[in-house]
Amino acid sequence: MLLAATANTPTQAQWAQEPNEAHPFFPVFFAASYGGKLYAVGNGGIASSADNGASWTNLTAIYSWAGGGGNSNREAVFSGSMIYVRTTTQGVIRSLDAGATWDVDTVGIGSGKQVDMIYFDGTTVFCTTNWPEYGFYKKTPASASWTKVTGMSPVLGMTKKGTKLYAFTAADMHTSTDGGTTWVNTATVATSTTYSGSPVHVIGSDLYSNGKRSTDDGLTWTNLAYSGSAYYTDGTNYYIGFGPMGGNDSVAMTSDGGATWTVSGGGGLNALVTSIVKHNGALYASVWSRGQLIKNGTNSSSGTAITERNSSVMIAPNPSSGVFRVMVPGLTDGEIAISDAQGRVVARLHTATPEFTVDMANQSPGVYYLQVVDQNRVLRSLPITLSK
């Protein structure tokens, strides 16, 4: 819901409807960017695109409404070759091989097969189940079953800052410093769930939740100019999706903590924005009841010729406390992207030499993914561990 706008809010370039549907006849609820590909998650399954949405490959239609199961896929999280998807009737489905094969991962969850929240910090997966059995669960990908976390109300959103995990319920914020095994109720803040995607994020040292900002680690919160139906950060900017605003799908963006905003609209679908993501330099959004995405901006690369190619990428030291030395034999014109465990690009650089360094000293400790693209070929996407 739109609360209020700052005075003289400027308008960004307008959104345009993408011509090709990711899921014909079925709505997309969640868009994601990971490993150089654009993903669309919805009633038709999970689809991926290697050419900025010009064409789509459906990775799975079995666990979907289209597959006859009456199931809606609402959100996906990624880490390495693993994809976890929360659904409305199947619990959690997963792929451990980048979408080639899938299975249902519900051992230990109980009878609650509607999953309202999923989060992956690169090591542990967390989820919240709804009726008929409410619960908050955690597991590592290698674990045979989920473990219920006791003493917690249903968690609606999670994020991580440094080594500290944050879990938001309808009324409180809880923190954990031991990987999610034990939690402490540290603040009172009202949080509501979103249709897809997380309502909580970290930008720098600040926390954001449902259009609110905290600069003191969640102890106090300030309402921003907007609240909405979808929230997203590319690591620098904070985006809030809502709509329709005057008949248009709309997104508000701030790069200064909410002091000033720009608003973009004009998707033409006249529907609620359900997720936002930046992919290859352009913004994409999914909107209620539609099988295609809307787009704002121009992609920094076409993606049409990108193919996977094996190459002996060497990274040392790994783990590192800040600076990684990367060697890619034969590299002549490389684009380097570093993504966090949630698929957000935190750093980019260009190199014309086969040996270069990546400085991650200003990032929080954890697992990141380094992707090397040389002349439109994805050479490798490798995990790097930042330890401080």
Protein backbone atom coordinates (compact mmCIF):
# COMPACT_ATOMS: atom_id res chain seq x y z
CA MET A 1 0.00 0.00 0.00
CA LEU A 2 1.27 3.48 -0.83
CA LEU A 3 1.58 5.58 2.32
CA ALA A 4 2.90 8.94 1.20
CA ALA A 5 5.35 10.48 -1.24
CA THR A 6 8.07 12.99 -0.63
CA ALA A 7 7.51 16.37 -2.24
CA ASN A 8 8.41 16.69 -5.91
CA THR A 9 9.26 13.01 -6.25
CA PRO A 10 10.88 12.62 -9.71
CA THR A 11 9.81 9.92 -12.12
CA GLN A 12 12.23 7.39 -13.59
CA ALA A 13 12.15 5.86 -17.05
CA GLN A 14 8.97 3.89 -17.52
CA TRP A 15 8.48 0.14 -17.39
CA ALA A 16 7.68 -1.89 -20.49
CA GLN A 17 5.96 -5.23 -20.79
CA GLU A 18 8.25 -8.05 -21.92
CA PRO A 19 6.95 -9.70 -25.10
CA ASN A 20 7.61 -13.33 -24.15
CA GLU A 21 5.89 -15.11 -21.30
CA ALA A 22 8.02 -17.22 -18.99
CA HIS A 23 4.94 -19.29 -18.14
CA PRO A 24 2.23 -19.02 -20.81
CA PHE A 25 -1.25 -18.99 -19.26
CA PHE A 26 0.13 -19.04 -15.71
CA PRO A 27 1.29 -16.15 -13.49
CA VAL A 28 4.86 -15.44 -12.41
CA PHE A 29 5.17 -14.43 -8.75
CA PHE A 30 8.93 -14.13 -8.30
CA ALA A 31 11.87 -13.04 -10.47
CA ALA A 32 15.51 -13.71 -9.60
CA SER A 33 18.95 -13.20 -11.11
CA TYR A 34 21.62 -15.79 -10.40
CA GLY A 35 24.65 -17.19 -12.19
CA GLY A 36 24.13 -15.00 -15.26
CA LYS A 37 20.56 -16.21 -15.78
CA LEU A 38 17.15 -14.67 -15.17
CA TYR A 39 14.63 -16.87 -13.32
CA ALA A 40 10.83 -16.72 -13.19
CA VAL A 41 8.98 -18.67 -10.50
CA GLY A 42 5.23 -19.19 -10.58
CA ASN A 43 2.27 -21.44 -11.22
CA GLY A 44 3.84 -22.77 -14.40
CA GLY A 45 6.98 -24.00 -12.64
CA ILE A 46 10.49 -22.55 -12.52
CA ALA A 47 11.84 -21.13 -15.78
CA SER A 48 15.28 -19.73 -16.64
CA SER A 49 16.50 -17.42 -19.39
CA ALA A 50 20.07 -16.97 -20.60
CA ASP A 51 19.17 -14.09 -22.95
CA ASN A 52 17.59 -11.48 -20.66
CA GLY A 53 14.08 -12.91 -21.01
CA ALA A 54 13.96 -13.18 -24.82
CA SER A 55 13.45 -16.95 -24.47
CA TRP A 56 12.71 -19.26 -21.56
CA THR A 57 13.41 -22.85 -20.54
CA ASN A 58 11.03 -24.45 -18.06
CA LEU A 59 13.18 -26.34 -15.57
CA THR A 60 10.26 -28.10 -13.90
CA ALA A 61 6.55 -28.21 -14.59
CA ILE A 62 5.93 -31.28 -12.42
CA TYR A 63 5.58 -29.44 -9.13
CA SER A 64 3.26 -26.79 -10.49
CA TRP A 65 -0.32 -25.85 -11.16
CA ALA A 66 0.38 -26.55 -14.81
CA GLY A 67 1.56 -30.04 -13.93
CA GLY A 68 -1.82 -30.87 -12.45
CA GLY A 69 -0.78 -30.66 -8.82
CA GLY A 70 -2.63 -27.44 -8.00
CA ASN A 71 0.65 -26.11 -6.64
CA SER A 72 1.93 -22.53 -6.79
CA ASN A 73 5.66 -21.86 -6.62
CA ARG A 74 6.27 -18.57 -4.82
CA GLU A 75 9.98 -17.94 -4.32
CA ALA A 76 13.43 -19.44 -5.02
CA VAL A 77 16.76 -19.10 -3.22
CA PHE A 78 20.12 -20.09 -4.68
CA SER A 79 23.58 -21.15 -3.56
CA GLY A 80 26.15 -22.74 -5.85
CA SER A 81 24.29 -25.37 -7.90
CA MET A 82 21.46 -25.61 -5.36
CA ILE A 83 17.98 -24.14 -5.85
CA TYR A 84 15.32 -24.25 -3.11
CA VAL A 85 11.72 -23.23 -3.86
CA ARG A 86 8.88 -22.58 -1.44
CA THR A 87 5.44 -23.67 -2.59
CA THR A 88 1.81 -23.53 -1.48
CA THR A 89 1.01 -27.27 -1.41
CA GLN A 90 4.27 -29.23 -1.90
CA GLY A 91 6.34 -27.76 0.92
CA VAL A 92 9.90 -27.16 -0.31
CA ILE A 93 11.15 -28.51 -3.63
CA ARG A 94 14.82 -28.45 -4.48
CA SER A 95 17.41 -29.09 -7.14
CA LEU A 96 21.02 -29.88 -6.25
CA ASP A 97 22.21 -29.73 -9.87
CA ALA A 98 21.18 -26.25 -11.09
CA GLY A 99 17.68 -27.33 -12.11
CA ALA A 100 18.45 -30.51 -14.05
CA THR A 101 16.60 -32.73 -11.54
CA TRP A 102 14.19 -31.96 -8.71
CA ASP A 103 12.75 -33.58 -5.62
CA VAL A 104 10.46 -32.74 -2.70
CA ASP A 105 12.37 -31.87 0.48
CA THR A 106 9.85 -32.07 3.32
CA VAL A 107 11.17 -34.73 5.72
CA GLY A 108 10.79 -33.33 9.23
CA ILE A 109 8.48 -30.47 8.28
CA GLY A 110 5.28 -32.26 9.30
CA SER A 111 1.91 -31.65 7.70
CA GLY A 112 2.39 -27.95 6.94
CA LYS A 113 3.01 -27.98 3.19
CA GLN A 114 2.28 -24.29 2.60
CA VAL A 115 5.62 -22.53 3.00
CA ASP A 116 5.38 -18.78 3.66
CA MET A 117 9.09 -17.95 3.98
CA ILE A 118 12.36 -19.40 2.74
CA TYR A 119 15.89 -18.10 3.28
CA PHE A 120 19.34 -19.48 2.45
CA ASP A 121 22.43 -17.92 4.04
CA GLY A 122 24.79 -20.03 1.94
CA THR A 123 25.17 -22.64 4.67
CA THR A 124 21.71 -23.24 6.17
CA VAL A 125 18.23 -23.17 4.67
CA PHE A 126 15.36 -21.82 6.79
CA CYS A 127 11.63 -22.02 6.13
CA THR A 128 8.29 -21.22 7.79
CA THR A 129 5.27 -23.46 7.30
CA ASN A 130 1.62 -22.45 7.53
CA TRP A 131 -1.64 -24.28 8.27
CA PRO A 132 -2.29 -26.96 9.35
CA GLU A 133 1.06 -27.17 11.15
CA TYR A 134 2.81 -23.86 11.80
CA GLY A 135 6.55 -24.00 12.37
CA PHE A 136 10.00 -22.53 11.79
CA TYR A 137 12.59 -25.00 10.47
CA LYS A 138 16.26 -25.16 9.49
CA LYS A 139 18.56 -27.61 7.72
CA THR A 140 21.83 -27.83 5.83
CA PRO A 141 21.67 -29.20 2.27
CA ALA A 142 23.47 -32.34 3.42
CA SER A 143 20.96 -33.02 6.20
CA ALA A 144 18.39 -35.76 5.70
CA SER A 145 15.60 -33.83 7.41
CA TRP A 146 14.52 -30.42 8.68
CA THR A 147 14.88 -29.48 12.36
CA LYS A 148 12.18 -27.45 14.06
CA VAL A 149 13.35 -24.33 15.87
CA THR A 150 11.33 -24.10 19.07
CA GLY A 151 10.19 -20.99 20.88
CA MET A 152 9.69 -18.93 17.72
CA SER A 153 6.50 -17.50 16.26
CA PRO A 154 6.13 -17.88 12.47
CA VAL A 155 9.05 -16.07 10.85
CA LEU A 156 8.01 -13.79 7.97
CA GLY A 157 11.42 -12.64 6.76
CA MET A 158 15.14 -13.14 7.37
CA THR A 159 18.42 -11.45 6.53
CA LYS A 160 22.05 -11.56 7.61
CA LYS A 161 24.57 -8.88 8.55
CA GLY A 162 28.09 -10.09 9.12
CA THR A 163 27.76 -13.28 11.14
CA LYS A 164 24.46 -12.29 12.75
CA LEU A 165 21.15 -13.65 11.51
CA TYR A 166 17.94 -11.64 11.82
CA ALA A 167 14.47 -13.22 11.88
CA PHE A 168 11.32 -11.08 11.84
CA THR A 169 7.94 -12.26 13.10
CA ALA A 170 4.69 -10.29 12.97
CA ALA A 171 5.66 -8.32 16.07
CA ASP A 172 9.32 -8.91 16.97
CA MET A 173 12.88 -9.14 15.68
CA HIS A 174 15.06 -12.04 16.81
CA THR A 175 18.81 -12.43 16.33
CA SER A 176 21.15 -15.42 16.29
CA THR A 177 24.93 -15.55 16.38
CA ASP A 178 25.27 -19.35 16.22
CA GLY A 179 23.89 -20.07 12.78
CA GLY A 180 20.23 -20.10 13.77
CA THR A 181 20.31 -22.69 16.56
CA THR A 182 19.42 -20.26 19.35
CA TRP A 183 17.59 -16.95 19.04
CA VAL A 184 17.19 -13.86 21.22
CA ASN A 185 14.22 -11.49 21.02
CA THR A 186 16.02 -8.17 20.62
CA ALA A 187 13.44 -5.64 19.39
CA THR A 188 9.78 -4.95 18.74
CA VAL A 189 8.95 -4.15 15.13
CA ALA A 190 5.83 -4.91 13.12
CA THR A 191 6.58 -6.95 10.00
CA SER A 192 4.17 -8.39 7.47
CA THR A 193 4.76 -11.05 4.85
CA THR A 194 5.05 -10.27 1.15
CA TYR A 195 3.57 -12.32 -1.65
CA SER A 196 7.02 -13.43 -2.75
CA GLY A 197 10.52 -12.39 -1.78
CA SER A 198 11.75 -11.22 1.59
CA PRO A 199 10.39 -8.11 3.33
CA VAL A 200 13.72 -7.53 5.16
CA HIS A 201 17.12 -6.47 3.80
CA VAL A 202 20.54 -5.09 4.75
CA ILE A 203 22.20 -2.13 3.01
CA GLY A 204 25.56 -1.29 4.50
CA SER A 205 25.03 -1.41 8.26
CA ASP A 206 21.33 -0.47 8.10
CA LEU A 207 18.33 -2.79 8.33
CA TYR A 208 15.19 -2.38 6.22
CA SER A 209 11.83 -4.04 6.91
CA ASN A 210 8.53 -3.41 5.10
CA GLY A 211 9.40 0.18 4.21
CA LYS A 212 11.03 0.96 7.56
CA ARG A 213 14.72 1.68 8.23
CA SER A 214 16.88 1.12 11.31
CA THR A 215 20.34 2.61 11.77
CA ASP A 216 20.91 1.10 15.24
CA ASP A 217 20.72 -2.63 14.53
CA GLY A 218 16.96 -2.84 14.84
CA LEU A 219 16.43 -1.13 18.19
CA THR A 220 14.47 1.76 16.66
CA TRP A 221 12.77 2.16 13.28
CA THR A 222 11.78 5.05 11.02
CA ASN A 223 8.93 4.81 8.53
CA LEU A 224 10.02 5.61 4.99
CA ALA A 225 7.87 7.44 2.46
CA TYR A 226 6.50 4.23 0.97
CA SER A 227 5.42 0.75 1.94
CA GLY A 228 4.36 -1.76 -0.64
CA SER A 229 3.93 -5.29 -1.89
CA ALA A 230 7.54 -6.07 -2.85
CA TYR A 231 10.95 -5.04 -1.48
CA TYR A 232 14.41 -5.44 -3.01
CA THR A 233 17.97 -4.14 -2.79
CA ASP A 234 20.81 -4.43 -5.27
CA GLY A 235 23.23 -3.74 -2.43
CA THR A 236 23.14 0.03 -2.89
CA ASN A 237 19.60 1.08 -3.77
CA TYR A 238 16.36 0.15 -1.98
CA TYR A 239 13.30 -0.58 -4.11
CA ILE A 240 9.64 -0.77 -3.07
CA GLY A 241 7.05 -2.13 -5.47
CA PHE A 242 3.35 -1.37 -5.25
CA GLY A 243 0.57 -0.45 -7.65
CA PRO A 244 -1.35 0.15 -9.56
CA MET A 245 -0.59 3.85 -9.09
CA GLY A 246 -2.77 5.90 -11.40
CA GLY A 247 -3.30 2.81 -13.53
CA ASN A 248 0.37 1.81 -13.70
CA ASP A 249 2.58 -0.76 -12.04
CA SER A 250 5.00 1.32 -9.95
CA VAL A 251 8.32 1.04 -8.15
CA ALA A 252 9.92 3.62 -5.84
CA MET A 253 13.70 3.73 -5.42
CA THR A 254 15.99 5.47 -2.94
CA SER A 255 19.78 5.53 -2.87
CA ASP A 256 20.15 7.70 0.23
CA GLY A 257 18.26 5.87 2.95
CA GLY A 258 14.88 7.37 2.06
CA ALA A 259 15.76 11.07 1.95
CA THR A 260 14.86 11.26 -1.74
CA TRP A 261 12.94 8.94 -4.05
CA THR A 262 12.34 8.34 -7.73
CA VAL A 263 9.19 6.57 -8.91
CA SER A 264 8.80 4.57 -12.10
CA GLY A 265 5.56 3.26 -13.60
CA GLY A 266 3.95 2.47 -16.90
CA GLY A 267 4.14 -1.32 -17.07
CA GLY A 268 0.68 -1.30 -18.55
CA LEU A 269 -0.48 -4.44 -16.78
CA ASN A 270 -2.35 -2.54 -14.05
CA ALA A 271 -1.49 -5.06 -11.38
CA LEU A 272 0.34 -5.42 -8.08
CA VAL A 273 4.14 -5.72 -8.19
CA THR A 274 5.11 -9.02 -6.51
CA SER A 275 8.92 -8.99 -6.88
CA ILE A 276 11.78 -6.86 -8.22
CA VAL A 277 15.26 -7.85 -9.36
CA LYS A 278 18.19 -6.28 -11.22
CA HIS A 279 19.62 -8.43 -14.01
CA ASN A 280 22.41 -7.44 -16.40
CA GLY A 281 21.94 -3.77 -15.57
CA ALA A 282 18.16 -3.60 -16.06
CA LEU A 283 15.34 -3.89 -13.54
CA TYR A 284 12.72 -6.62 -13.89
CA ALA A 285 9.51 -7.06 -11.93
CA SER A 286 6.82 -9.70 -11.71
CA VAL A 287 3.25 -8.52 -11.40
CA TRP A 288 0.10 -10.14 -10.14
CA SER A 289 -1.67 -12.60 -12.48
CA ARG A 290 0.72 -12.21 -15.44
CA GLY A 291 3.00 -14.78 -17.10
CA GLN A 292 5.53 -12.23 -18.33
CA LEU A 293 7.80 -9.80 -16.55
CA ILE A 294 7.98 -6.04 -16.94
CA LYS A 295 11.32 -4.34 -17.51
CA ASN A 296 12.89 -0.94 -16.85
CA GLY A 297 16.21 0.00 -18.43
CA THR A 298 18.67 -1.47 -20.91
CA ASN A 299 20.71 -4.60 -20.30
CA SER A 300 24.45 -4.10 -20.07
CA SER A 301 24.96 -7.24 -22.19
CA SER A 302 22.68 -9.09 -24.57
CA GLY A 303 23.30 -12.47 -23.02
CA THR A 304 22.27 -14.12 -26.28
CA ALA A 305 25.69 -15.64 -26.95
CA ILE A 306 26.53 -16.58 -23.39
CA THR A 307 27.45 -20.23 -23.06
CA GLU A 308 29.05 -22.28 -20.32
CA ARG A 309 32.69 -23.19 -20.88
CA ASN A 310 35.06 -25.05 -18.62
CA SER A 311 38.21 -23.18 -17.69
CA SER A 312 40.85 -23.58 -15.01
CA VAL A 313 40.01 -20.57 -12.87
CA MET A 314 42.35 -20.44 -9.88
CA ILE A 315 41.63 -18.42 -6.73
CA ALA A 316 44.11 -17.96 -3.89
CA PRO A 317 43.95 -17.64 -1.02
CA ASN A 318 40.45 -19.07 -0.55
CA PRO A 319 39.25 -18.51 2.14
CA SER A 320 40.66 -14.99 2.41
CA SER A 321 40.33 -12.19 4.91
CA GLY A 322 39.80 -9.63 2.17
CA VAL A 323 41.84 -9.85 -1.06
CA PHE A 324 41.54 -12.76 -3.50
CA ARG A 325 44.06 -13.31 -6.30
CA VAL A 326 42.36 -14.76 -9.39
CA MET A 327 44.11 -16.40 -12.35
CA VAL A 328 42.25 -17.25 -15.56
CA PRO A 329 44.58 -18.57 -18.26
CA GLY A 330 43.76 -17.06 -21.66
CA LEU A 331 41.46 -14.34 -20.33
CA THR A 332 41.50 -11.32 -22.67
CA ASP A 333 38.35 -9.31 -21.98
CA GLY A 334 36.69 -10.31 -18.73
CA GLU A 335 33.66 -9.11 -16.80
CA ILE A 336 33.76 -10.22 -13.17
CA ALA A 337 30.68 -10.32 -10.94
CA ILE A 338 30.61 -11.22 -7.23
CA SER A 339 27.26 -12.35 -5.80
CA ASP A 340 26.24 -13.08 -2.22
CA ALA A 341 24.31 -16.14 -1.03
CA GLN A 342 21.00 -14.50 -2.01
CA GLY A 343 22.17 -13.88 -5.59
CA ARG A 344 22.66 -10.12 -5.16
CA VAL A 345 25.65 -8.72 -7.06
CA VAL A 346 27.87 -6.93 -4.53
CA ALA A 347 30.82 -6.09 -6.79
CA ARG A 348 31.71 -5.87 -10.47
CA LEU A 349 34.97 -5.23 -12.30
CA HIS A 350 36.46 -5.40 -15.79
CA THR A 351 39.85 -6.88 -16.62
CA ALA A 352 41.88 -7.38 -19.78
CA THR A 353 44.58 -9.50 -18.09
CA PRO A 354 44.50 -13.17 -17.02
CA GLU A 355 45.59 -12.34 -13.46
CA PHE A 356 43.83 -9.84 -11.21
CA THR A 357 42.77 -9.24 -7.62
CA VAL A 358 39.34 -8.88 -6.04
CA ASP A 359 39.17 -6.79 -2.86
CA MET A 360 36.27 -7.89 -0.60
CA ALA A 361 37.51 -6.22 2.58
CA ASN A 362 34.42 -4.00 2.82
CA GLN A 363 31.98 -6.95 2.64
CA SER A 364 30.60 -9.06 5.49
CA PRO A 365 32.16 -12.50 6.11
CA GLY A 366 30.46 -15.40 4.34
CA VAL A 367 30.27 -17.38 1.11
CA TYR A 368 30.16 -15.46 -2.18
CA TYR A 369 30.18 -16.54 -5.82
CA LEU A 370 32.66 -15.25 -8.39
CA GLN A 371 31.56 -15.43 -12.02
CA VAL A 372 33.97 -14.82 -14.90
CA VAL A 373 32.59 -13.93 -18.35
CA ASP A 374 35.08 -13.67 -21.24
CA GLN A 375 33.79 -12.58 -24.67
CA ASN A 376 30.22 -13.54 -23.73
CA ARG A 377 31.27 -16.96 -22.45
CA VAL A 378 30.67 -17.86 -18.81
CA LEU A 379 33.96 -19.48 -17.89
CA ARG A 380 33.19 -20.50 -14.33
CA SER A 381 31.09 -19.56 -11.33
CA LEU A 382 33.03 -20.47 -8.20
CA PRO A 383 32.44 -20.04 -4.46
CA ILE A 384 34.81 -17.85 -2.47
CA THR A 385 34.81 -17.58 1.31
CA LEU A 386 35.47 -14.29 3.06
CA SER A 387 36.66 -14.80 6.64
CA LYS A 388 37.64 -12.05 9.06
